[in-house]
C-alpha atoms as a PDB file:
ATOM      1  CA  MET A   1     -13.083   6.420  36.515  1.00  0.00           C
ATOM      2  CA  LYS A   2     -14.843   7.353  33.316  1.00  0.00           C
ATOM      3  CA  ILE A   3     -16.594   4.252  31.731  1.00  0.00           C
ATOM      4  CA  ILE A   4     -16.257   4.038  28.035  1.00  0.00           C
ATOM      5  CA  GLN A   5     -19.738   3.895  26.340  1.00  0.00           C
ATOM      6  CA  CYS A   6     -20.320   1.798  23.227  1.00  0.00           C
ATOM      7  CA  ILE A   7     -23.441   2.241  21.249  1.00  0.00           C
ATOM      8  CA  ALA A   8     -24.415  -0.395  18.445  1.00  0.00           C
ATOM      9  CA  GLY A   9     -27.525  -1.031  16.637  1.00  0.00           C
ATOM     10  CA  PRO A  10     -28.994  -1.683  13.088  1.00  0.00           C
ATOM     11  CA  THR A  11     -28.810   1.008  10.373  1.00  0.00           C
ATOM     12  CA  ALA A  12     -31.313   3.880  10.958  1.00  0.00           C
ATOM     13  CA  SER A  13     -32.005   2.979  14.614  1.00  0.00           C
ATOM     14  CA  GLY A  14     -31.043   6.388  15.934  1.00  0.00           C
ATOM     15  CA  LYS A  15     -27.639   5.641  17.093  1.00  0.00           C
ATOM     16  CA  SER A  16     -26.142   9.121  16.324  1.00  0.00           C
ATOM     17  CA  ALA A  17     -28.884  11.088  18.107  1.00  0.00           C
ATOM     18  CA  PHE A  18     -28.586   8.727  21.052  1.00  0.00           C
ATOM     19  CA  ALA A  19     -24.870   9.251  21.202  1.00  0.00           C
ATOM     20  CA  VAL A  20     -25.183  13.044  21.192  1.00  0.00           C
ATOM     21  CA  LYS A  21     -27.640  12.977  23.994  1.00  0.00           C
ATOM     22  CA  LEU A  22     -25.443  10.766  26.044  1.00  0.00           C
ATOM     23  CA  ALA A  23     -22.377  12.941  25.379  1.00  0.00           C
ATOM     24  CA  LYS A  24     -24.189  16.038  26.657  1.00  0.00           C
ATOM     25  CA  ARG A  25     -25.274  14.085  29.724  1.00  0.00           C
ATOM     26  CA  LEU A  26     -21.831  12.683  30.352  1.00  0.00           C
ATOM     27  CA  ASP A  27     -19.512  15.255  29.136  1.00  0.00           C
ATOM     28  CA  GLY A  28     -18.387  13.085  26.463  1.00  0.00           C
ATOM     29  CA  GLU A  29     -16.718  13.081  22.873  1.00  0.00           C
ATOM     30  CA  ILE A  30     -18.033  10.862  20.142  1.00  0.00           C
ATOM     31  CA  VAL A  31     -15.962   8.292  18.203  1.00  0.00           C
ATOM     32  CA  ASN A  32     -17.014   6.578  14.928  1.00  0.00           C
ATOM     33  CA  ALA A  33     -17.405   2.829  15.037  1.00  0.00           C
ATOM     34  CA  ASP A  34     -18.947   2.692  11.537  1.00  0.00           C
ATOM     35  CA  ALA A  35     -16.955   1.040   8.703  1.00  0.00           C
ATOM     36  CA  LEU A  36     -18.699   3.398   5.997  1.00  0.00           C
ATOM     37  CA  GLN A  37     -18.680   6.568   7.892  1.00  0.00           C
ATOM     38  CA  VAL A  38     -14.867   6.722   7.902  1.00  0.00           C
ATOM     39  CA  TYR A  39     -14.821   7.614   4.125  1.00  0.00           C
ATOM     40  CA  SER A  40     -14.549  11.301   3.134  1.00  0.00           C
ATOM     41  CA  LYS A  41     -16.669  11.375   0.048  1.00  0.00           C
ATOM     42  CA  LEU A  42     -19.567   9.498   1.469  1.00  0.00           C
ATOM     43  CA  GLN A  43     -21.289  12.077   3.732  1.00  0.00           C
ATOM     44  CA  ILE A  44     -24.785  11.556   2.595  1.00  0.00           C
ATOM     45  CA  LEU A  45     -24.919   7.822   1.548  1.00  0.00           C
ATOM     46  CA  SER A  46     -23.120   6.613   4.644  1.00  0.00           C
ATOM     47  CA  ALA A  47     -25.599   8.600   6.833  1.00  0.00           C
ATOM     48  CA  ARG A  48     -22.664  10.458   8.432  1.00  0.00           C
ATOM     49  CA  PRO A  49     -24.013  12.931  11.070  1.00  0.00           C
ATOM     50  CA  THR A  50     -24.174  16.510   9.839  1.00  0.00           C
ATOM     51  CA  LYS A  51     -22.713  19.504  11.704  1.00  0.00           C
ATOM     52  CA  THR A  52     -25.981  20.329  13.090  1.00  0.00           C
ATOM     53  CA  GLU A  53     -26.724  16.723  14.216  1.00  0.00           C
ATOM     54  CA  MET A  54     -23.354  16.701  15.946  1.00  0.00           C
ATOM     55  CA  GLY A  55     -24.805  19.279  18.493  1.00  0.00           C
ATOM     56  CA  LYS A  56     -21.393  20.933  19.006  1.00  0.00           C
ATOM     57  CA  ILE A  57     -20.088  17.686  20.542  1.00  0.00           C
ATOM     58  CA  PRO A  58     -16.620  16.811  19.380  1.00  0.00           C
ATOM     59  CA  HIS A  59     -16.630  13.974  16.805  1.00  0.00           C
ATOM     60  CA  HIS A  60     -13.648  11.738  15.798  1.00  0.00           C
ATOM     61  CA  LEU A  61     -12.791   9.335  13.034  1.00  0.00           C
ATOM     62  CA  PHE A  62     -15.529  10.425  10.736  1.00  0.00           C
ATOM     63  CA  GLY A  63     -14.779  11.088   6.946  1.00  0.00           C
ATOM     64  CA  HIS A  64     -11.028  10.876   7.409  1.00  0.00           C
ATOM     65  CA  VAL A  65     -10.286   8.009   4.832  1.00  0.00           C
ATOM     66  CA  ASN A  66     -10.189   8.299   1.055  1.00  0.00           C
ATOM     67  CA  PRO A  67     -12.621   5.972  -0.464  1.00  0.00           C
ATOM     68  CA  GLU A  68      -9.900   4.436  -2.848  1.00  0.00           C
ATOM     69  CA  LYS A  69      -8.477   2.828   0.293  1.00  0.00           C
ATOM     70  CA  LYS A  70      -9.249  -0.373   1.966  1.00  0.00           C
ATOM     71  CA  TYR A  71      -9.793   0.508   5.661  1.00  0.00           C
ATOM     72  CA  SER A  72      -9.784  -2.480   7.876  1.00  0.00           C
ATOM     73  CA  THR A  73     -10.759  -3.304  11.389  1.00  0.00           C
ATOM     74  CA  GLY A  74      -6.971  -3.333  12.210  1.00  0.00           C
ATOM     75  CA  HIS A  75      -6.696   0.201  10.854  1.00  0.00           C
ATOM     76  CA  TRP A  76      -9.618   1.367  12.927  1.00  0.00           C
ATOM     77  CA  LEU A  77      -8.410  -0.411  16.116  1.00  0.00           C
ATOM     78  CA  ARG A  78      -4.915   1.227  15.790  1.00  0.00           C
ATOM     79  CA  ALA A  79      -6.528   4.636  15.481  1.00  0.00           C
ATOM     80  CA  VAL A  80      -9.162   4.300  18.202  1.00  0.00           C
ATOM     81  CA  ASP A  81      -6.968   2.955  20.971  1.00  0.00           C
ATOM     82  CA  PRO A  82      -4.717   5.939  21.465  1.00  0.00           C
ATOM     83  CA  LEU A  83      -7.718   8.252  20.717  1.00  0.00           C
ATOM     84  CA  ILE A  84      -9.726   6.797  23.693  1.00  0.00           C
ATOM     85  CA  ILE A  85      -6.705   7.450  25.948  1.00  0.00           C
ATOM     86  CA  GLU A  86      -6.607  10.991  24.618  1.00  0.00           C
ATOM     87  CA  ILE A  87     -10.310  11.625  25.428  1.00  0.00           C
ATOM     88  CA  LEU A  88      -9.951  10.078  28.923  1.00  0.00           C
ATOM     89  CA  ALA A  89      -6.831  12.177  29.578  1.00  0.00           C
ATOM     90  CA  ARG A  90      -8.938  15.275  28.891  1.00  0.00           C
ATOM     91  CA  GLY A  91     -11.351  14.195  31.530  1.00  0.00           C
ATOM     92  CA  LYS A  92     -14.047  13.376  29.079  1.00  0.00           C
ATOM     93  CA  THR A  93     -16.094  10.329  28.488  1.00  0.00           C
ATOM     94  CA  PRO A  94     -15.440   8.377  25.076  1.00  0.00           C
ATOM     95  CA  ILE A  95     -18.685   7.489  23.430  1.00  0.00           C
ATOM     96  CA  LEU A  96     -18.244   4.987  20.648  1.00  0.00           C
ATOM     97  CA  VAL A  97     -21.149   4.842  18.056  1.00  0.00           C
ATOM     98  CA  GLY A  98     -21.588   2.750  14.953  1.00  0.00           C
ATOM     99  CA  GLY A  99     -23.067  -0.365  13.555  1.00  0.00           C
ATOM    100  CA  THR A 100     -19.982  -2.283  12.631  1.00  0.00           C
ATOM    101  CA  GLY A 101     -20.123  -5.142  15.018  1.00  0.00           C
ATOM    102  CA  LEU A 102     -16.724  -6.313  14.073  1.00  0.00           C
ATOM    103  CA  TYR A 103     -15.186  -3.147  15.249  1.00  0.00           C
ATOM    104  CA  TYR A 104     -16.660  -3.714  18.695  1.00  0.00           C
ATOM    105  CA  LYS A 105     -15.692  -7.400  18.827  1.00  0.00           C
ATOM    106  CA  ALA A 106     -12.047  -6.326  18.089  1.00  0.00           C
ATOM    107  CA  LEU A 107     -12.066  -3.712  20.680  1.00  0.00           C
ATOM    108  CA  THR A 108     -13.757  -5.675  23.534  1.00  0.00           C
ATOM    109  CA  GLN A 109     -12.534  -9.159  22.727  1.00  0.00           C
ATOM    110  CA  GLY A 110      -9.313  -8.599  20.654  1.00  0.00           C
ATOM    111  CA  LEU A 111      -8.098  -8.844  17.032  1.00  0.00           C
ATOM    112  CA  ALA A 112      -6.457 -11.900  15.564  1.00  0.00           C
ATOM    113  CA  GLN A 113      -2.704 -11.556  14.946  1.00  0.00           C
ATOM    114  CA  VAL A 114      -2.695 -13.473  11.749  1.00  0.00           C
ATOM    115  CA  PRO A 115       0.796 -13.867  10.279  1.00  0.00           C
ATOM    116  CA  LYS A 116       1.634 -12.492   6.795  1.00  0.00           C
ATOM    117  CA  LEU A 117      -0.023 -14.669   4.205  1.00  0.00           C
ATOM    118  CA  PRO A 118       1.740 -16.262   1.169  1.00  0.00           C
ATOM    119  CA  ASP A 119       1.318 -14.413  -2.056  1.00  0.00           C
ATOM    120  CA  ASP A 120      -0.707 -17.139  -3.595  1.00  0.00           C
ATOM    121  CA  ALA A 121      -3.221 -17.529  -0.739  1.00  0.00           C
ATOM    122  CA  MET A 122      -5.292 -14.515  -1.591  1.00  0.00           C
ATOM    123  CA  LYS A 123      -4.781 -15.169  -5.309  1.00  0.00           C
ATOM    124  CA  ASN A 124      -6.343 -18.723  -5.090  1.00  0.00           C
ATOM    125  CA  ALA A 125      -9.172 -17.449  -3.007  1.00  0.00           C
ATOM    126  CA  GLN A 126      -9.802 -14.742  -5.619  1.00  0.00           C
ATOM    127  CA  GLU A 127      -9.865 -17.300  -8.459  1.00  0.00           C
ATOM    128  CA  VAL A 128     -12.600 -19.202  -6.634  1.00  0.00           C
ATOM    129  CA  LEU A 129     -14.727 -15.920  -6.546  1.00  0.00           C
ATOM    130  CA  GLU A 130     -14.009 -15.127 -10.196  1.00  0.00           C
ATOM    131  CA  GLU A 131     -14.654 -18.620 -11.529  1.00  0.00           C
ATOM    132  CA  GLY A 132     -17.545 -19.968  -9.288  1.00  0.00           C
ATOM    133  CA  GLY A 133     -18.959 -16.586  -7.872  1.00  0.00           C
ATOM    134  CA  ILE A 134     -19.975 -15.685  -4.416  1.00  0.00           C
ATOM    135  CA  ASP A 135     -21.897 -18.934  -3.947  1.00  0.00           C
ATOM    136  CA  ALA A 136     -18.777 -20.987  -4.584  1.00  0.00           C
ATOM    137  CA  LEU A 137     -16.668 -18.858  -2.239  1.00  0.00           C
ATOM    138  CA  ARG A 138     -19.182 -19.101   0.433  1.00  0.00           C
ATOM    139  CA  ARG A 139     -19.211 -23.010   0.251  1.00  0.00           C
ATOM    140  CA  LEU A 140     -15.485 -23.056   0.599  1.00  0.00           C
ATOM    141  CA  ALA A 141     -15.498 -20.751   3.441  1.00  0.00           C
ATOM    142  CA  ASP A 142     -18.300 -22.846   5.084  1.00  0.00           C
ATOM    143  CA  ASN A 143     -16.040 -26.120   4.580  1.00  0.00           C
ATOM    144  CA  LEU A 144     -12.772 -24.513   5.868  1.00  0.00           C
ATOM    145  CA  ASP A 145     -14.050 -22.375   8.680  1.00  0.00           C
ATOM    146  CA  PRO A 146     -17.727 -22.838   9.378  1.00  0.00           C
ATOM    147  CA  ARG A 147     -17.474 -20.906  12.702  1.00  0.00           C
ATOM    148  CA  ALA A 148     -16.130 -17.715  10.986  1.00  0.00           C
ATOM    149  CA  SER A 149     -18.349 -18.190   7.962  1.00  0.00           C
ATOM    150  CA  SER A 150     -21.534 -18.329   9.906  1.00  0.00           C
ATOM    151  CA  LYS A 151     -20.799 -14.872  11.203  1.00  0.00           C
ATOM    152  CA  VAL A 152     -20.644 -13.154   7.781  1.00  0.00           C
ATOM    153  CA  LEU A 153     -23.787 -11.280   6.979  1.00  0.00           C
ATOM    154  CA  GLY A 154     -25.071 -11.861   3.361  1.00  0.00           C
ATOM    155  CA  ASN A 155     -22.766 -11.800   0.271  1.00  0.00           C
ATOM    156  CA  ASP A 156     -19.597 -10.212   1.743  1.00  0.00           C
ATOM    157  CA  PRO A 157     -16.792 -11.124  -0.581  1.00  0.00           C
ATOM    158  CA  GLN A 158     -14.135  -9.247   1.386  1.00  0.00           C
ATOM    159  CA  ARG A 159     -14.641 -11.252   4.604  1.00  0.00           C
ATOM    160  CA  LEU A 160     -15.301 -14.449   2.834  1.00  0.00           C
ATOM    161  CA  LEU A 161     -12.024 -14.108   0.877  1.00  0.00           C
ATOM    162  CA  ARG A 162     -10.261 -13.344   4.168  1.00  0.00           C
ATOM    163  CA  ILE A 163     -11.587 -16.540   5.738  1.00  0.00           C
ATOM    164  CA  VAL A 164     -10.534 -18.745   2.771  1.00  0.00           C
ATOM    165  CA  SER A 165      -7.074 -17.193   2.290  1.00  0.00           C
ATOM    166  CA  VAL A 166      -6.264 -17.458   6.093  1.00  0.00           C
ATOM    167  CA  ALA A 167      -7.278 -21.019   6.303  1.00  0.00           C
ATOM    168  CA  LYS A 168      -5.383 -21.857   3.070  1.00  0.00           C
ATOM    169  CA  GLY A 169      -2.480 -19.709   3.696  1.00  0.00           C
ATOM    170  CA  THR A 170      -1.754 -20.651   7.378  1.00  0.00           C
ATOM    171  CA  GLY A 171      -3.320 -24.087   7.643  1.00  0.00           C
ATOM    172  CA  LYS A 172      -5.253 -22.603  10.593  1.00  0.00           C
ATOM    173  CA  PRO A 173      -8.896 -21.316  10.562  1.00  0.00           C
ATOM    174  CA  LEU A 174      -9.368 -17.574  11.188  1.00  0.00           C
ATOM    175  CA  SER A 175     -11.807 -18.348  13.955  1.00  0.00           C
ATOM    176  CA  LEU A 176      -9.073 -20.189  15.804  1.00  0.00           C
ATOM    177  CA  TRP A 177      -6.679 -17.117  15.394  1.00  0.00           C
ATOM    178  CA  GLN A 178      -9.482 -14.928  16.655  1.00  0.00           C
ATOM    179  CA  SER A 179      -9.926 -17.153  19.760  1.00  0.00           C
ATOM    180  CA  GLU A 180      -6.312 -16.532  20.773  1.00  0.00           C
ATOM    181  CA  THR A 181      -6.603 -12.731  21.225  1.00  0.00           C
ATOM    182  CA  ASN A 182      -6.684 -10.234  24.136  1.00  0.00           C
ATOM    183  CA  ALA A 183      -9.203  -7.441  24.454  1.00  0.00           C
ATOM    184  CA  VAL A 184      -8.061  -3.789  23.977  1.00  0.00           C
ATOM    185  CA  LEU A 185     -10.712  -2.603  26.550  1.00  0.00           C
ATOM    186  CA  PRO A 186     -10.536  -4.876  29.639  1.00  0.00           C
ATOM    187  CA  ALA A 187     -13.914  -5.967  31.317  1.00  0.00           C
ATOM    188  CA  GLY A 188     -15.138  -3.148  33.604  1.00  0.00           C
ATOM    189  CA  THR A 189     -13.861  -0.278  31.523  1.00  0.00           C
ATOM    190  CA  TRP A 190     -16.752  -0.064  29.218  1.00  0.00           C
ATOM    191  CA  LYS A 191     -20.394  -0.428  28.913  1.00  0.00           C
ATOM    192  CA  GLY A 192     -22.391  -1.481  25.882  1.00  0.00           C
ATOM    193  CA  PHE A 193     -25.803  -0.483  24.533  1.00  0.00           C
ATOM    194  CA  VAL A 194     -27.599  -2.079  21.602  1.00  0.00           C
ATOM    195  CA  LEU A 195     -30.575  -0.065  19.978  1.00  0.00           C
ATOM    196  CA  LEU A 196     -33.119  -2.412  18.907  1.00  0.00           C
ATOM    197  CA  PRO A 197     -36.360  -0.333  17.848  1.00  0.00           C
ATOM    198  CA  ASN A 198     -39.430  -2.057  16.662  1.00  0.00           C
ATOM    199  CA  ARG A 199     -38.699  -3.504  13.219  1.00  0.00           C
ATOM    200  CA  GLU A 200     -41.736  -2.006  11.406  1.00  0.00           C
ATOM    201  CA  ASN A 201     -40.753   1.336  12.713  1.00  0.00           C
ATOM    202  CA  LEU A 202     -37.240   0.899  11.780  1.00  0.00           C
ATOM    203  CA  TYR A 203     -38.226  -0.145   8.259  1.00  0.00           C
ATOM    204  CA  ASP A 204     -40.380   3.021   7.913  1.00  0.00           C
ATOM    205  CA  ARG A 205     -37.279   4.944   9.043  1.00  0.00           C
ATOM    206  CA  ILE A 206     -35.021   3.370   6.530  1.00  0.00           C
ATOM    207  CA  ASN A 207     -37.387   4.271   3.715  1.00  0.00           C
ATOM    208  CA  THR A 208     -37.788   7.837   4.786  1.00  0.00           C
ATOM    209  CA  ARG A 209     -34.054   8.334   5.421  1.00  0.00           C
ATOM    210  CA  PHE A 210     -33.137   7.019   1.974  1.00  0.00           C
ATOM    211  CA  ALA A 211     -35.714   9.292   0.398  1.00  0.00           C
ATOM    212  CA  ASP A 212     -34.197  12.271   2.317  1.00  0.00           C
ATOM    213  CA  MET A 213     -30.812  11.126   1.125  1.00  0.00           C
ATOM    214  CA  ILE A 214     -31.876  11.571  -2.478  1.00  0.00           C
ATOM    215  CA  LYS A 215     -33.390  14.901  -1.768  1.00  0.00           C
ATOM    216  CA  ASN A 216     -30.218  16.122  -0.083  1.00  0.00           C
ATOM    217  CA  GLY A 217     -27.832  15.220  -2.831  1.00  0.00           C
ATOM    218  CA  GLY A 218     -27.310  11.376  -2.578  1.00  0.00           C
ATOM    219  CA  LEU A 219     -27.540  10.961  -6.385  1.00  0.00           C
ATOM    220  CA  ALA A 220     -24.985  13.743  -7.021  1.00  0.00           C
ATOM    221  CA  GLU A 221     -22.749  11.921  -4.503  1.00  0.00           C
ATOM    222  CA  ALA A 222     -23.156   8.559  -6.241  1.00  0.00           C
ATOM    223  CA  LYS A 223     -22.177  10.368  -9.551  1.00  0.00           C
ATOM    224  CA  TYR A 224     -19.060  11.640  -7.989  1.00  0.00           C
ATOM    225  CA  ILE A 225     -18.069   8.133  -6.517  1.00  0.00           C
ATOM    226  CA  HIS A 226     -18.821   6.689  -9.995  1.00  0.00           C
ATOM    227  CA  SER A 227     -16.577   9.033 -11.628  1.00  0.00           C
ATOM    228  CA  LEU A 228     -13.593   7.770  -9.451  1.00  0.00           C
ATOM    229  CA  ASN A 229     -13.893   4.355 -11.230  1.00  0.00           C
ATOM    230  CA  LEU A 230     -13.315   2.447  -7.957  1.00  0.00           C
ATOM    231  CA  ALA A 231     -13.035  -1.256  -7.815  1.00  0.00           C
ATOM    232  CA  LYS A 232     -16.361  -2.694  -6.929  1.00  0.00           C
ATOM    233  CA  ASP A 233     -14.871  -4.816  -4.111  1.00  0.00           C
ATOM    234  CA  LEU A 234     -13.735  -1.824  -2.099  1.00  0.00           C
ATOM    235  CA  PRO A 235     -15.453  -1.389   1.152  1.00  0.00           C
ATOM    236  CA  ALA A 236     -16.562   2.235   0.195  1.00  0.00           C
ATOM    237  CA  MET A 237     -18.764   0.642  -2.544  1.00  0.00           C
ATOM    238  CA  LYS A 238     -21.143  -0.912   0.131  1.00  0.00           C
ATOM    239  CA  ALA A 239     -22.505   2.442   1.125  1.00  0.00           C
ATOM    240  CA  ILE A 240     -26.330   2.383   1.311  1.00  0.00           C
ATOM    241  CA  GLY A 241     -27.940   2.274  -2.181  1.00  0.00           C
ATOM    242  CA  LEU A 242     -24.614   3.286  -4.024  1.00  0.00           C
ATOM    243  CA  ARG A 243     -24.641   0.405  -6.448  1.00  0.00           C
ATOM    244  CA  ASP A 244     -28.327   0.805  -7.103  1.00  0.00           C
ATOM    245  CA  LEU A 245     -27.833   4.586  -7.893  1.00  0.00           C
ATOM    246  CA  ILE A 246     -24.804   3.671 -10.098  1.00  0.00           C
ATOM    247  CA  ALA A 247     -26.941   1.171 -12.019  1.00  0.00           C
ATOM    248  CA  HIS A 248     -29.245   4.068 -12.709  1.00  0.00           C
ATOM    249  CA  LEU A 249     -26.551   6.396 -13.739  1.00  0.00           C
ATOM    250  CA  GLU A 250     -25.380   3.843 -16.276  1.00  0.00           C
ATOM    251  CA  GLY A 251     -28.901   3.650 -17.721  1.00  0.00           C
ATOM    252  CA  GLU A 252     -29.678   0.133 -16.444  1.00  0.00           C
ATOM    253  CA  ILE A 253     -32.584   1.053 -14.237  1.00  0.00           C
ATOM    254  CA  SER A 254     -34.808   4.011 -13.531  1.00  0.00           C
ATOM    255  CA  LEU A 255     -34.298   6.266 -10.591  1.00  0.00           C
ATOM    256  CA  ASP A 256     -37.477   4.955  -8.947  1.00  0.00           C
ATOM    257  CA  MET A 257     -36.401   1.441  -9.463  1.00  0.00           C
ATOM    258  CA  ALA A 258     -32.910   2.213  -7.860  1.00  0.00           C
ATOM    259  CA  ILE A 259     -34.540   3.869  -4.919  1.00  0.00           C
ATOM    260  CA  GLU A 260     -36.957   0.874  -4.438  1.00  0.00           C
ATOM    261  CA  ARG A 261     -34.068  -1.598  -4.629  1.00  0.00           C
ATOM    262  CA  ALA A 262     -31.897   0.401  -2.294  1.00  0.00           C
ATOM    263  CA  MET A 263     -34.646   0.622   0.400  1.00  0.00           C
ATOM    264  CA  ARG A 264     -35.459  -3.055  -0.012  1.00  0.00           C
ATOM    265  CA  GLN A 265     -31.729  -4.086   0.326  1.00  0.00           C
ATOM    266  CA  THR A 266     -31.275  -1.864   3.241  1.00  0.00           C
ATOM    267  CA  ARG A 267     -34.259  -3.446   5.120  1.00  0.00           C
ATOM    268  CA  ARG A 268     -32.801  -6.861   4.499  1.00  0.00           C
ATOM    269  CA  PHE A 269     -29.420  -5.764   5.877  1.00  0.00           C
ATOM    270  CA  ALA A 270     -31.134  -4.362   8.928  1.00  0.00           C
ATOM    271  CA  LYS A 271     -32.791  -7.669   9.475  1.00  0.00           C
ATOM    272  CA  ARG A 272     -29.490  -9.458   9.405  1.00  0.00           C
ATOM    273  CA  GLN A 273     -28.014  -7.041  11.714  1.00  0.00           C
ATOM    274  CA  TYR A 274     -30.900  -7.750  14.201  1.00  0.00           C
ATOM    275  CA  THR A 275     -30.002 -11.322  14.191  1.00  0.00           C
ATOM    276  CA  TRP A 276     -26.318 -10.776  14.496  1.00  0.00           C
ATOM    277  CA  LEU A 277     -26.628  -8.250  17.386  1.00  0.00           C
ATOM    278  CA  ARG A 278     -28.948 -10.443  19.234  1.00  0.00           C
ATOM    279  CA  GLY A 279     -26.621 -13.362  19.012  1.00  0.00           C
ATOM    280  CA  GLN A 280     -23.158 -11.576  19.206  1.00  0.00           C
ATOM    281  CA  MET A 281     -24.065  -8.888  21.746  1.00  0.00           C
ATOM    282  CA  SER A 282     -26.629 -10.626  23.996  1.00  0.00           C
ATOM    283  CA  HIS A 283     -24.665  -9.467  27.101  1.00  0.00           C
ATOM    284  CA  TRP A 284     -25.117  -5.811  26.103  1.00  0.00           C
ATOM    285  CA  GLU A 285     -27.820  -3.718  27.327  1.00  0.00           C
ATOM    286  CA  HIS A 286     -30.670  -3.704  24.801  1.00  0.00           C
ATOM    287  CA  VAL A 287     -32.364  -0.433  24.454  1.00  0.00           C
END
């Protein structure tokens, strides 16, 4: 029986290259498990692998979603489940790779089947964000569902809004809904790897990679995304350095400042990812 391979790790840890090497060794096909690399217009700023980097290995679920859409964990789970079956049916090894831990938790532990929320639940949560800002929303999420809130990395309004609206709309915390789930991949059918390189080396890689992004057209990509006038809370707007580059395009900061800010924010994000991966994926093999 083919064992499904799952590769996680912080940003810039070398997941894509590791996946290609593993695919060549195991006669595998690669499946995206990164929430930003699903978007079609974010080739550079999402660090999506290029054709050269793919090494002639089949890659799936990369760049197939319009950035104007909200692509959720549920969407990904519904797409990846039959895809894994197709790959196995071809006699190949499915190799999932990406830094979105929530995707892997949903796949290996299950996704909460939350009922449809009342119309005013999300509206009320949104009002908290608009009137009190992200700090007020975070405090309310901490109060309503501290278990779910503690797993949210940094200022992530989309997930905090979800925590608040579910608690308010169902009278039951999201973490409790999540505890009543069944895994898509049963134990024994998959193996997980977490790439955890030396932090200083990782931070150097982050800086070098973003500098390369700018050289390879990252600013032009940001300019195109900016022209779409997307809502700031859309998931696609979380791409590496996108908001900083847009601030530069709007004349708020210099390009050098935008690059410096983007590198700093990415290093901070990687640090939070380290903490999350060590805590949530302690049972995975650390590489």
